[in-house]
Structure formats: structure tokens, C-alpha cells
Amino acid sequence: MYKLNKTQKLVDIIFNYADKQGDKIAIIDHLTHRKISYSTLKHFILAGCEYLQRCSVGKGNCVIISASNTLEFVVAYLSVHCIGAIAVPIDSSTSQERIELLKDITDAPLILTGNYKSSKPYCMISEIIENESDSEYNNINKIDIDDAADLLFTSGVTGDPKGVILTHRNVISAASNINEFTRINESDIELLALPLCHSFGLGRMRCVLMKGATLVLFNGFAQLKKIFNIFDEYSITGFSLVPAAWRTIYRMTGDYIRKYSLQLNYVELGSAPMTTAEKQCLAEILPETRICMHYGLTEASRSTFLEFHDDMKHLGSVGRESPNVNVSIVNKSINHETGYEEGEIKICGDHVMAGYFRNVLLSSNGLENNCFSTGDYGYLDEDGYLYLIGREKELINVGGRKVSPVEVENILIQAAGVDEVACVGHADEILGEVVVAFVVSSYGNKSELEKRIIQYAKSKMEYYKVPSSIMFTDSIPKTESGKVTRNLLKGMV
């Protein structure tokens, strides 16, 4: 293997693999059972560049791509990078109204979709693969490492799209940091069922291809039997999932995944919290697997890592700073209960985004010198482990005391009869706010269960953290990545 050069772009690295180990399988599309070598992947990317040129796409243009876990998406994404354009991945189920909004925002000359074919600028994403060309595209070396590579839109509380700009340097730095921690190598074969329209799944795709390993594409975690069949068929050694997917796997199959403990070299989790008990359970089931869980944001991907076996004494934390990343606490205040200085989490490193789309000055975004003020609150212990308290806007202010909803949830979930729980703050005339807990439970007598939950809470936490009321619900509203949408819960109080 050649040594990674951080001035290279992702496509440069893939082309190097194509030239040096062209027959190595890069991608297996399980849906179509296609196996694509690095050499063939390079050919598809170069043909894709010519296709984009014919569609009047040039350097700096945005290209909206309907993201699904298919070979077509991967090739389209890399072809956009190769030509110097900016990839804008969107969920394949995105409404046409929102696509039109993003087209207007980005001035995209091309929209690659798999759902429908209409007049320009819409084109079928499959045409990227179908394009036939044997000529070499020669623009790749004209792309600067600090040119924009991706534009990832996230929605805030208002639902307005917020565009995160990632440069080629950001993309390569993040993937390099992740690979250094997870210890993936070129012989690994990773199953990717996470959606490629989101930062986590997209990051895993980059990590695998940057290492010259093999990526097996599958869509979602609903078909568990097929997932385990893929483990067997392709001898899967790497796996990535969100905590909600792990809970589904464990609920439906128990510890069946233990069968693959010696086969799995690594697992990466992220995008939502797990309880300490869940982490301990997974570590016991996979004693020989490197289990890595990250904390980060789209703006600063995978900024800390926790390894469940190595960090067993610190499973309540989100780990220590990732390789080549600096994490600090700013706007500090002493928490006399913990003895640590709590404040806003600040992240610095080459993986930190270039900025928000069409906000050149970034004066209100906390971005300076590759540093990003996250809006998350937490503290660092004496060993450098980061403990997350919560989002500033989600902290519950009870009589001047800041209460983390996540902390309360991690305790309440252990109460008998509680299947799922989420907490929010609710206005109170005397205390300012009080804690309200939404609980999902199959237990029959809800009145009795409410008393038991409150009694349990009083025995496990300070009085001001105890929920003032318990509200039973059939489900907790969440994003696709499993994060609780607390603003919706507040509207239900």
C-alpha cells in the first residue's frame, strides 16, 4: 500500500488503488449482485466526468444527487468530485418541492435522480453508469485540496435547510482520523446499510474506499435475515450502525451476532446516544471486536471516539478526542456536583467544515482557525474523556440549575416497565422550567407505573432532576438517524 498523502483528494487515492491493485474488489452492490473492481470504478468515474461535462456541469457547480445505497450513487458522487463540482446528496424520498427549493438555493445545473425523469435539469442517476467512454478525463489535478467537495444540508428546529460546506481537505482529514482510530485495513470487507444521504453513512463509504478495502452496499436494517446472510456470503469484517438499529437487532435476534465475534474486526456506532448498560452488553457479546462509538456533528465529523473494551471504565462518556483533533471546553463554570468545569464544547482540526453555505464571514457561527463552537455542553475529566451534558437549547433550567435530559433519560430507562423515554423542559412559574418525561411502555396499569417511575427517580437522582410529570405515549418522535426531536415533544406537553 502506498502512504497516504493528505494533499490528495479522495478520487486521487481511488485512482492510485486502481493503478496498483486494479483487480481488487472495491464495491459489491448486493441489490444487483454487481462486483466492481477498483479499475472498473475508475473507468466509471472517468466516464461520469464526461457525462457531467455534456450536462454543462463544471468546477464549482452544485450537483444534487438522489442518494441511495447503490453503485450508481457512489459513482455519481465521485464523478462530481473528480470534475471539481460540489456533491449535494439528498434522501431518495425527498419531495419534489424540497428538491426545487434546494435547486433554487444552490443554482444546481443538474439533478441526478432515481425516482423520475423529467425535463432538464433532471436526469436519471443510472445514466452515469450507462455512459460509455474510453477516454481519460484530465481535469483532476486542477482541483485544489481546499476547494468545496460536499454541501450537506441539515434542518434546524425551524426546518429551514442549513448547508454545511466540506472541502476535499475536510473529507480526507476526517476519513484519515476515523481510519486511524478504527484500524480498518485494506483486507477488510464492510457492510454499509446506513443511508448514504447522511454524514455517518457517507463518511463510512469514504473511509472504506480511502483504505482500499471492500464496501458491500445494502439498504437499511429492516431485513435482519438478509443482513446476517450477507455476513456469511461475503465474510463481513466491518459493520456500522446507529444505536436504534442495534436495539432492533438485539430485540429481534438476541445475541445472535455473537456468532461473528471472531469474524468482525470493527464496528462503528454513532449519531445518537447509548446507555452504559447497552454498551456493556454489546462489549460482552463481541469480546474480540473493536467497538468504536463516535461523537461529532456534520460540521465536525467524528471528533471524539470511545472504544468499549479499552474504555470500559469511561462508558458514560463519549470518549477522547479523535486522532489529530483538539477538543476543549469554553465559557466554563464550575459544577460543584462533579467538580469539573462545564461549558460549551469547541472542536478544532482539519476536519472542521469550511463554513455554512452563502455565509462567507461566518461571524455568528463560531468558526475560526479550523475551530467550531458546537452548541453542545459538557466537561472533560482528568483523563481527557468528554462527558456530554446536552445541547444548549435542550438543557432544562430548573431554578437556575442546568439539567441534561440525556442524563435523566439514562436513569429512567433502567426503571422497570420503561421501554423508551425522552425528557424535555416545560415552563413553570416558580422554577422557570421543570422536567417532563415521555414514556413508552407496554405495562398495563399506567397510574401505578407512573408512581413507580417517580419513586425510582427520587432514589437515583437529585430532587430537581426528578420529572414533575410522566406522559405516556405510543412512540418517541425521532429523526432518521435516531435522535429525539425534542421540539415536537415540547408541543405535546
Protein backbone atom coordinates (compact mmCIF):
# COMPACT_ATOMS: atom_id res chain seq x y z
CA MET A 1 0.00 0.00 0.00
CA TYR A 2 1.20 3.48 -0.78
CA LYS A 3 1.49 6.07 2.01
CA LEU A 4 -1.45 8.47 2.30
CA ASN A 5 -0.72 11.98 1.07
CA LYS A 6 -3.11 14.44 2.69
CA THR A 7 -2.79 16.84 -0.24
CA GLN A 8 -4.58 14.26 -2.38
CA LYS A 9 -8.32 14.13 -2.97
CA LEU A 10 -10.43 11.03 -2.42
CA VAL A 11 -10.62 10.37 -6.16
CA ASP A 12 -6.81 10.62 -6.44
CA ILE A 13 -6.48 7.90 -3.83
CA ILE A 14 -9.04 5.63 -5.52
CA PHE A 15 -7.23 6.07 -8.84
CA ASN A 16 -3.96 5.09 -7.17
CA TYR A 17 -5.56 1.87 -5.99
CA ALA A 18 -6.94 1.29 -9.49
CA ASP A 19 -3.45 1.61 -10.94
CA LYS A 20 -1.72 -0.55 -8.30
CA GLN A 21 -4.36 -3.17 -7.41
CA GLY A 22 -6.87 -2.82 -10.20
CA ASP A 23 -8.45 -6.25 -9.79
CA LYS A 24 -9.22 -5.74 -6.08
CA ILE A 25 -12.99 -5.56 -5.47
CA ALA A 26 -13.98 -2.07 -4.39
CA ILE A 27 -17.79 -2.25 -4.25
CA ILE A 28 -20.36 -5.02 -4.06
CA ASP A 29 -23.91 -3.82 -4.75
CA HIS A 30 -25.95 -6.51 -3.02
CA LEU A 31 -29.20 -5.38 -4.64
CA THR A 32 -27.90 -6.13 -8.14
CA HIS A 33 -25.09 -8.54 -7.11
CA ARG A 34 -22.57 -6.47 -9.08
CA LYS A 35 -18.92 -6.69 -8.00
CA ILE A 36 -16.85 -3.73 -9.15
CA SER A 37 -13.06 -3.68 -9.06
CA TYR A 38 -11.04 -0.53 -8.35
CA SER A 39 -10.05 -0.47 -12.02
CA THR A 40 -13.68 -0.60 -13.16
CA LEU A 41 -14.64 2.01 -10.56
CA LYS A 42 -12.02 4.36 -12.03
CA HIS A 43 -13.40 3.74 -15.52
CA PHE A 44 -16.95 4.52 -14.36
CA ILE A 45 -15.79 7.72 -12.63
CA LEU A 46 -13.96 8.98 -15.71
CA ALA A 47 -16.97 8.20 -17.89
CA GLY A 48 -19.10 10.02 -15.34
CA CYS A 49 -16.91 13.09 -15.68
CA GLU A 50 -17.55 13.19 -19.43
CA TYR A 51 -21.28 12.75 -18.80
CA LEU A 52 -21.29 15.69 -16.38
CA GLN A 53 -19.40 17.83 -18.88
CA ARG A 54 -22.03 17.11 -21.52
CA CYS A 55 -24.64 18.23 -18.99
CA SER A 56 -22.82 21.59 -18.70
CA VAL A 57 -21.51 20.87 -15.19
CA GLY A 58 -18.18 22.48 -14.38
CA LYS A 59 -15.88 23.27 -11.49
CA GLY A 60 -17.73 24.87 -8.57
CA ASN A 61 -21.21 23.89 -9.74
CA CYS A 62 -23.51 22.09 -7.31
CA VAL A 63 -24.96 18.74 -8.39
CA ILE A 64 -27.91 17.41 -6.42
CA ILE A 65 -27.77 13.61 -6.18
CA SER A 66 -30.56 11.34 -5.02
CA ALA A 67 -28.68 9.19 -2.53
CA SER A 68 -29.45 5.52 -2.22
CA ASN A 69 -27.17 2.65 -1.28
CA THR A 70 -26.31 1.76 -4.86
CA LEU A 71 -23.28 1.66 -7.09
CA GLU A 72 -24.86 4.42 -9.20
CA PHE A 73 -24.83 6.87 -6.30
CA VAL A 74 -21.22 6.13 -5.35
CA VAL A 75 -20.04 6.64 -8.94
CA ALA A 76 -22.08 9.82 -9.36
CA TYR A 77 -20.73 11.24 -6.09
CA LEU A 78 -17.11 10.51 -7.01
CA SER A 79 -17.57 11.79 -10.57
CA VAL A 80 -18.81 15.10 -9.19
CA HIS A 81 -15.68 15.31 -7.02
CA CYS A 82 -13.48 14.39 -9.98
CA ILE A 83 -14.78 17.19 -12.18
CA GLY A 84 -14.38 19.76 -9.39
CA ALA A 85 -18.10 20.22 -8.82
CA ILE A 86 -19.84 20.05 -5.42
CA ALA A 87 -21.88 17.00 -4.41
CA VAL A 88 -25.23 17.70 -2.72
CA PRO A 89 -26.57 14.31 -1.55
CA ILE A 90 -30.26 14.16 -0.66
CA ASP A 91 -32.55 11.40 0.57
CA SER A 92 -34.10 9.43 -2.27
CA SER A 93 -37.52 10.05 -0.70
CA THR A 94 -37.11 13.84 -0.74
CA SER A 95 -40.21 15.59 -2.05
CA GLN A 96 -40.03 17.41 -5.36
CA GLU A 97 -40.99 20.62 -3.56
CA ARG A 98 -37.89 20.41 -1.37
CA ILE A 99 -35.70 19.43 -4.35
CA GLU A 100 -36.90 22.55 -6.15
CA LEU A 101 -36.07 24.61 -3.04
CA LEU A 102 -32.53 23.20 -2.94
CA LYS A 103 -32.13 23.74 -6.68
CA ASP A 104 -33.03 27.40 -6.24
CA ILE A 105 -30.70 27.78 -3.25
CA THR A 106 -27.70 26.13 -4.93
CA ASP A 107 -28.28 27.13 -8.58
CA ALA A 108 -27.59 23.48 -9.43
CA PRO A 109 -27.41 22.92 -13.22
CA LEU A 110 -28.08 19.18 -12.77
CA ILE A 111 -30.19 16.95 -10.54
CA LEU A 112 -29.44 13.23 -10.66
CA THR A 113 -32.45 11.25 -9.52
CA GLY A 114 -33.57 7.65 -9.43
CA ASN A 115 -37.27 8.26 -8.90
CA TYR A 116 -38.39 10.02 -12.03
CA LYS A 117 -37.10 11.50 -15.24
CA SER A 118 -38.31 14.91 -16.26
CA SER A 119 -37.09 17.86 -18.27
CA LYS A 120 -33.67 19.33 -17.58
CA PRO A 121 -32.00 19.73 -15.14
CA TYR A 122 -33.37 16.31 -14.03
CA CYS A 123 -31.53 13.22 -15.30
CA MET A 124 -31.60 9.59 -14.25
CA ILE A 125 -28.68 8.70 -11.98
CA SER A 126 -28.32 5.37 -13.80
CA GLU A 127 -27.09 7.27 -16.89
CA ILE A 128 -23.79 7.86 -15.08
CA ILE A 129 -23.08 4.12 -15.16
CA GLU A 130 -24.55 3.62 -18.61
CA ASN A 131 -22.33 6.28 -20.15
CA GLU A 132 -19.69 4.66 -22.34
CA SER A 133 -16.28 6.26 -22.68
CA ASP A 134 -12.73 5.03 -23.01
CA SER A 135 -11.01 8.41 -22.90
CA GLU A 136 -9.17 9.81 -19.89
CA TYR A 137 -10.56 12.85 -18.11
CA ASN A 138 -7.66 15.19 -17.34
CA ASN A 139 -9.09 17.85 -15.02
CA ILE A 140 -8.46 16.04 -11.73
CA ASN A 141 -5.12 17.72 -10.97
CA LYS A 142 -6.65 21.18 -11.41
CA ILE A 143 -8.74 20.74 -8.26
CA ASP A 144 -7.33 22.29 -5.09
CA ILE A 145 -7.44 20.43 -1.78
CA ASP A 146 -9.31 23.38 -0.25
CA ASP A 147 -12.00 23.51 -2.95
CA ALA A 148 -15.51 22.62 -1.83
CA ALA A 149 -16.32 18.92 -2.25
CA ASP A 150 -19.66 18.42 -0.47
CA LEU A 151 -22.64 20.51 0.52
CA LEU A 152 -24.66 18.68 3.16
CA PHE A 153 -28.00 20.16 4.13
CA THR A 154 -29.30 19.70 7.65
CA SER A 155 -32.55 21.03 9.08
CA GLY A 156 -32.66 23.07 12.26
CA VAL A 157 -35.59 23.46 14.64
CA THR A 158 -37.39 25.63 12.10
CA GLY A 159 -36.93 23.09 9.33
CA ASP A 160 -35.04 25.61 7.19
CA PRO A 161 -32.19 23.96 5.27
CA LYS A 162 -28.70 24.78 6.56
CA GLY A 163 -25.86 23.93 4.20
CA VAL A 164 -22.55 22.61 5.58
CA ILE A 165 -19.61 23.05 3.21
CA LEU A 166 -16.90 20.39 3.36
CA THR A 167 -13.71 20.79 1.35
CA HIS A 168 -11.60 17.96 -0.06
CA ARG A 169 -9.22 18.59 2.86
CA ASN A 170 -12.09 18.22 5.35
CA VAL A 171 -13.24 14.97 3.74
CA ILE A 172 -9.76 13.39 3.63
CA SER A 173 -8.81 14.56 7.13
CA ALA A 174 -11.98 13.19 8.69
CA ALA A 175 -11.64 9.83 6.94
CA SER A 176 -7.96 9.57 7.86
CA ASN A 177 -8.71 10.32 11.54
CA ILE A 178 -11.52 7.75 11.62
CA ASN A 179 -9.45 5.05 9.94
CA GLU A 180 -6.58 5.62 12.34
CA PHE A 181 -8.89 5.00 15.30
CA THR A 182 -10.98 2.13 13.94
CA ARG A 183 -7.87 0.41 12.49
CA ILE A 184 -9.54 -0.64 9.25
CA ASN A 185 -7.14 -2.15 6.72
CA GLU A 186 -7.20 -2.96 3.01
CA SER A 187 -8.29 -6.57 3.62
CA ASP A 188 -11.49 -5.54 5.44
CA ILE A 189 -14.93 -6.04 3.91
CA GLU A 190 -17.52 -3.67 5.36
CA LEU A 191 -21.29 -3.94 5.19
CA LEU A 192 -22.84 -0.48 4.81
CA ALA A 193 -26.58 -0.36 5.45
CA LEU A 194 -26.62 3.24 6.76
CA PRO A 195 -28.21 5.76 4.37
CA LEU A 196 -25.65 7.47 2.13
CA CYS A 197 -27.61 10.72 2.25
CA HIS A 198 -26.41 11.34 5.83
CA SER A 199 -22.99 12.23 7.20
CA PHE A 200 -22.41 8.91 9.01
CA GLY A 201 -23.10 6.62 6.05
CA LEU A 202 -21.33 8.90 3.58
CA GLY A 203 -18.31 9.01 5.89
CA ARG A 204 -18.15 5.21 6.08
CA MET A 205 -18.18 4.98 2.28
CA ARG A 206 -15.26 7.41 2.09
CA CYS A 207 -13.31 5.59 4.83
CA VAL A 208 -13.53 2.19 3.16
CA LEU A 209 -12.56 3.38 -0.32
CA MET A 210 -9.78 5.59 1.02
CA LYS A 211 -8.24 2.50 2.63
CA GLY A 212 -8.51 0.31 -0.47
CA ALA A 213 -10.90 -2.06 1.30
CA THR A 214 -14.19 -3.53 0.01
CA LEU A 215 -17.62 -1.97 0.54
CA VAL A 216 -20.82 -4.04 0.47
CA LEU A 217 -23.90 -1.88 -0.10
CA PHE A 218 -27.24 -2.79 1.45
CA ASN A 219 -30.31 -0.67 2.14
CA GLY A 220 -31.36 -0.40 5.80
CA PHE A 221 -31.67 -2.71 8.79
CA ALA A 222 -35.25 -3.94 8.40
CA GLN A 223 -34.31 -7.29 6.82
CA LEU A 224 -32.15 -8.81 9.54
CA LYS A 225 -32.08 -12.27 7.98
CA LYS A 226 -30.59 -10.81 4.80
CA ILE A 227 -28.05 -8.83 6.80
CA PHE A 228 -26.76 -11.97 8.51
CA ASN A 229 -26.80 -13.81 5.17
CA ILE A 230 -24.53 -11.06 3.82
CA PHE A 231 -22.24 -11.55 6.83
CA ASP A 232 -21.87 -15.17 5.76
CA GLU A 233 -21.78 -14.70 1.98
CA TYR A 234 -19.09 -12.02 1.92
CA SER A 235 -17.24 -12.76 5.19
CA ILE A 236 -18.01 -9.28 6.53
CA THR A 237 -15.30 -7.90 8.86
CA GLY A 238 -16.63 -4.37 9.41
CA PHE A 239 -20.10 -3.05 10.28
CA SER A 240 -21.56 0.38 11.03
CA LEU A 241 -24.91 1.21 12.62
CA VAL A 242 -26.83 3.68 14.75
CA PRO A 243 -27.95 2.73 18.29
CA ALA A 244 -31.59 2.39 17.18
CA ALA A 245 -30.53 -0.27 14.67
CA TRP A 246 -28.58 -2.14 17.34
CA ARG A 247 -31.64 -2.10 19.62
CA THR A 248 -33.73 -3.59 16.80
CA ILE A 249 -31.13 -6.28 16.12
CA TYR A 250 -30.87 -7.17 19.82
CA ARG A 251 -34.63 -7.18 20.34
CA MET A 252 -35.27 -9.39 17.30
CA THR A 253 -32.26 -11.74 17.43
CA GLY A 254 -30.82 -11.51 20.94
CA ASP A 255 -27.08 -12.17 20.92
CA TYR A 256 -27.06 -13.97 17.56
CA ILE A 257 -24.39 -11.55 16.30
CA ARG A 258 -22.04 -13.19 18.83
CA LYS A 259 -21.57 -15.83 16.12
CA TYR A 260 -19.47 -13.29 14.23
CA SER A 261 -17.31 -12.08 17.12
CA LEU A 262 -14.12 -13.58 15.71
CA GLN A 263 -15.03 -12.50 12.16
CA LEU A 264 -15.80 -8.84 12.89
CA ASN A 265 -12.68 -6.71 13.22
CA TYR A 266 -14.53 -3.48 13.98
CA VAL A 267 -17.95 -1.94 14.50
CA GLU A 268 -18.64 1.81 14.41
CA LEU A 269 -21.67 3.34 16.12
CA GLY A 270 -22.82 6.94 16.31
CA SER A 271 -25.41 9.66 15.63
CA ALA A 272 -27.36 9.10 18.87
CA PRO A 273 -26.59 8.14 22.49
CA MET A 274 -26.50 4.67 24.04
CA THR A 275 -26.86 3.83 27.71
CA THR A 276 -23.89 2.45 29.63
CA ALA A 277 -25.79 -0.83 30.06
CA GLU A 278 -26.24 -1.14 26.28
CA LYS A 279 -22.54 -0.53 25.72
CA GLN A 280 -21.60 -3.15 28.30
CA CYS A 281 -23.99 -5.64 26.70
CA LEU A 282 -22.54 -5.17 23.21
CA ALA A 283 -18.97 -5.39 24.55
CA GLU A 284 -19.84 -8.71 26.21
CA ILE A 285 -21.44 -10.09 23.03
CA LEU A 286 -18.47 -9.05 20.83
CA PRO A 287 -15.43 -9.56 23.09
CA GLU A 288 -12.92 -9.77 20.20
CA THR A 289 -14.30 -6.89 18.11
CA ARG A 290 -13.06 -3.30 18.22
CA ILE A 291 -16.30 -1.44 19.04
CA CYS A 292 -15.92 2.26 18.29
CA MET A 293 -18.54 4.89 19.07
CA HIS A 294 -18.14 8.48 17.96
CA TYR A 295 -19.37 11.92 18.88
CA GLY A 296 -19.43 14.65 16.28
CA LEU A 297 -21.55 16.81 14.04
CA THR A 298 -21.94 17.23 10.31
CA GLU A 299 -19.78 20.32 10.80
CA ALA A 300 -17.05 18.35 12.59
CA SER A 301 -17.37 14.65 11.85
CA ARG A 302 -16.28 12.07 14.46
CA SER A 303 -14.48 14.45 16.82
CA THR A 304 -14.22 12.00 19.72
CA PHE A 305 -14.14 8.21 19.92
CA LEU A 306 -14.87 5.64 22.61
CA GLU A 307 -13.74 2.01 22.33
CA PHE A 308 -15.99 -0.14 24.50
CA HIS A 309 -13.31 -2.61 25.68
CA ASP A 310 -10.36 -0.23 26.13
CA ASP A 311 -12.52 2.46 27.74
CA MET A 312 -14.72 0.22 29.89
CA LYS A 313 -14.28 2.49 32.93
CA HIS A 314 -15.50 5.50 30.97
CA LEU A 315 -18.55 4.17 29.12
CA GLY A 316 -20.65 7.07 30.39
CA SER A 317 -18.51 9.42 28.31
CA VAL A 318 -18.34 9.99 24.55
CA GLY A 319 -14.65 9.18 24.56
CA ARG A 320 -11.48 11.15 24.00
CA GLU A 321 -10.55 13.40 21.11
CA SER A 322 -10.00 11.61 17.79
CA PRO A 323 -6.52 11.49 16.23
CA ASN A 324 -5.42 14.95 15.00
CA VAL A 325 -8.39 16.65 16.72
CA ASN A 326 -8.42 19.08 19.65
CA VAL A 327 -11.43 19.27 21.97
CA SER A 328 -11.72 22.00 24.59
CA ILE A 329 -14.33 23.50 26.91
CA VAL A 330 -15.07 27.23 26.69
CA ASN A 331 -17.34 29.61 28.63
CA LYS A 332 -16.61 27.50 31.69
CA SER A 333 -18.39 27.36 35.02
CA ILE A 334 -17.74 25.04 37.96
CA ASN A 335 -20.26 22.27 38.58
CA HIS A 336 -19.92 21.65 42.29
CA GLU A 337 -21.60 18.24 41.97
CA THR A 338 -18.98 16.84 39.58
CA GLY A 339 -16.07 19.10 40.48
CA TYR A 340 -15.37 19.70 36.79
CA GLU A 341 -15.55 22.82 34.65
CA GLU A 342 -18.57 22.60 32.37
CA GLY A 343 -19.15 24.69 29.27
CA GLU A 344 -19.55 24.71 25.52
CA ILE A 345 -17.60 22.11 23.54
CA LYS A 346 -15.17 23.56 21.00
CA ILE A 347 -13.60 21.39 18.29
CA CYS A 348 -10.51 22.21 16.22
CA GLY A 349 -8.93 20.30 13.34
CA ASP A 350 -8.62 19.99 9.59
CA HIS A 351 -11.87 18.01 9.54
CA VAL A 352 -13.90 21.04 10.68
CA MET A 353 -16.15 22.40 7.91
CA ALA A 354 -15.17 25.36 5.74
CA GLY A 355 -18.38 27.14 6.73
CA TYR A 356 -22.07 27.41 6.07
CA PHE A 357 -23.30 27.90 2.53
CA ARG A 358 -23.52 31.56 1.46
CA ASN A 359 -22.25 32.84 4.80
CA VAL A 360 -18.75 33.99 3.96
CA LEU A 361 -17.95 35.94 7.13
CA LEU A 362 -19.25 33.26 9.49
CA SER A 363 -19.29 35.89 12.23
CA SER A 364 -22.16 34.25 14.10
CA ASN A 365 -21.18 30.61 13.59
CA GLY A 366 -18.26 30.27 15.98
CA LEU A 367 -15.90 29.21 13.16
CA GLU A 368 -12.35 30.49 13.36
CA ASN A 369 -8.98 28.90 12.53
CA ASN A 370 -10.46 25.46 11.83
CA CYS A 371 -12.36 25.61 15.13
CA PHE A 372 -16.09 25.18 15.68
CA SER A 373 -18.15 26.05 18.74
CA THR A 374 -20.67 23.24 18.75
CA GLY A 375 -23.53 24.49 20.91
CA ASP A 376 -23.16 21.25 22.88
CA TYR A 377 -22.33 21.42 26.58
CA GLY A 378 -20.11 19.06 28.51
CA TYR A 379 -16.92 18.62 30.52
CA LEU A 380 -13.53 16.89 30.29
CA ASP A 381 -12.39 14.69 33.17
CA GLU A 382 -8.80 14.36 34.38
CA ASP A 383 -8.13 11.59 31.85
CA GLY A 384 -9.36 13.63 28.89
CA TYR A 385 -12.70 11.85 28.45
CA LEU A 386 -15.52 14.09 27.24
CA TYR A 387 -18.85 13.87 29.05
CA LEU A 388 -21.76 15.28 27.12
CA ILE A 389 -24.43 17.20 29.03
CA GLY A 390 -26.58 18.15 26.06
CA ARG A 391 -27.40 20.83 23.52
CA GLU A 392 -27.51 24.33 24.97
CA LYS A 393 -31.04 24.77 23.65
CA GLU A 394 -32.11 21.39 25.11
CA LEU A 395 -30.77 21.88 28.65
CA ILE A 396 -33.57 22.29 31.18
CA ASN A 397 -33.15 25.27 33.52
CA VAL A 398 -34.70 24.23 36.83
CA GLY A 399 -34.38 27.12 39.28
CA GLY A 400 -31.04 28.14 37.77
CA ARG A 401 -29.67 24.59 37.69
CA LYS A 402 -28.93 23.15 34.24
CA VAL A 403 -30.37 19.64 33.83
CA SER A 404 -29.35 17.37 30.96
CA PRO A 405 -32.35 15.49 29.53
CA VAL A 406 -29.97 12.71 28.43
CA GLU A 407 -28.75 12.20 32.00
CA VAL A 408 -32.32 11.84 33.28
CA GLU A 409 -33.24 9.50 30.40
CA ASN A 410 -30.24 7.23 31.09
CA ILE A 411 -31.52 6.73 34.62
CA LEU A 412 -35.24 6.37 33.87
CA ILE A 413 -34.68 3.78 31.12
CA GLN A 414 -33.47 1.43 33.85
CA ALA A 415 -36.79 1.62 35.72
CA ALA A 416 -38.98 -1.48 35.46
CA GLY A 417 -41.71 -1.10 32.85
CA VAL A 418 -39.99 1.66 30.86
CA ASP A 419 -39.37 0.63 27.25
CA GLU A 420 -38.33 4.06 25.94
CA VAL A 421 -38.10 7.55 27.41
CA ALA A 422 -37.36 11.13 26.38
CA CYS A 423 -37.34 14.26 28.54
CA VAL A 424 -37.99 17.94 27.83
CA GLY A 425 -38.35 21.12 29.83
CA HIS A 426 -41.73 22.71 30.49
CA ALA A 427 -42.40 26.25 31.71
CA ASP A 428 -43.03 26.65 35.44
CA GLU A 429 -43.99 29.89 37.23
CA ILE A 430 -41.77 29.24 40.24
CA LEU A 431 -38.77 27.25 38.92
CA GLY A 432 -38.67 28.61 35.39
CA GLU A 433 -38.73 25.07 33.97
CA VAL A 434 -39.42 21.55 35.21
CA VAL A 435 -38.57 18.15 33.74
CA VAL A 436 -41.32 16.28 31.88
CA ALA A 437 -40.70 12.66 30.85
CA PHE A 438 -42.39 10.99 27.88
CA VAL A 439 -42.50 7.23 28.38
CA VAL A 440 -43.26 4.34 26.03
CA SER A 441 -44.38 1.25 27.98
CA SER A 442 -46.33 -1.93 27.42
CA TYR A 443 -47.09 -2.15 31.14
CA GLY A 444 -50.85 -2.19 31.72
CA ASN A 445 -51.50 -0.07 34.83
CA LYS A 446 -50.14 3.35 33.84
CA SER A 447 -51.17 5.07 37.08
CA GLU A 448 -49.22 2.53 39.14
CA LEU A 449 -46.28 2.68 36.74
CA GLU A 450 -46.10 6.49 36.99
CA LYS A 451 -45.77 6.26 40.79
CA ARG A 452 -43.08 3.61 40.48
CA ILE A 453 -41.09 5.68 37.94
CA ILE A 454 -41.19 8.77 40.17
CA GLN A 455 -40.12 6.73 43.21
CA TYR A 456 -37.27 5.20 41.23
CA ALA A 457 -36.16 8.64 40.02
CA LYS A 458 -36.14 10.04 43.56
CA SER A 459 -33.86 7.19 44.66
CA LYS A 460 -31.38 7.73 41.83
CA MET A 461 -31.07 11.50 41.18
CA GLU A 462 -31.17 14.94 42.79
CA TYR A 463 -34.65 16.22 43.60
CA TYR A 464 -34.66 18.97 40.97
CA LYS A 465 -33.94 16.44 38.20
CA VAL A 466 -36.93 14.25 39.10
CA PRO A 467 -39.68 14.62 36.46
CA SER A 468 -42.65 16.69 37.61
CA SER A 469 -44.89 14.54 35.44
CA ILE A 470 -44.86 11.39 33.33
CA MET A 471 -46.62 11.44 29.98
CA PHE A 472 -47.27 8.10 28.29
CA THR A 473 -47.05 7.90 24.52
CA ASP A 474 -47.07 5.21 21.83
CA SER A 475 -43.77 6.37 20.33
CA ILE A 476 -40.98 8.92 20.70
CA PRO A 477 -40.55 11.16 17.62
CA LYS A 478 -37.05 10.81 16.14
CA THR A 479 -35.01 11.77 13.14
CA GLU A 480 -33.90 9.14 10.61
CA SER A 481 -30.60 8.77 12.46
CA GLY A 482 -32.38 8.07 15.77
CA LYS A 483 -32.07 11.44 17.52
CA VAL A 484 -35.04 12.52 19.63
CA THR A 485 -36.88 15.52 18.15
CA ARG A 486 -37.49 17.34 21.42
CA ASN A 487 -39.17 20.35 19.82
CA LEU A 488 -42.04 18.05 18.78
CA LEU A 489 -42.30 16.65 22.29
CA LYS A 490 -42.48 20.15 23.76
CA GLY A 491 -45.52 20.81 21.63
CA MET A 492 -47.20 17.75 23.19
CA VAL A 493 -46.87 18.90 26.82
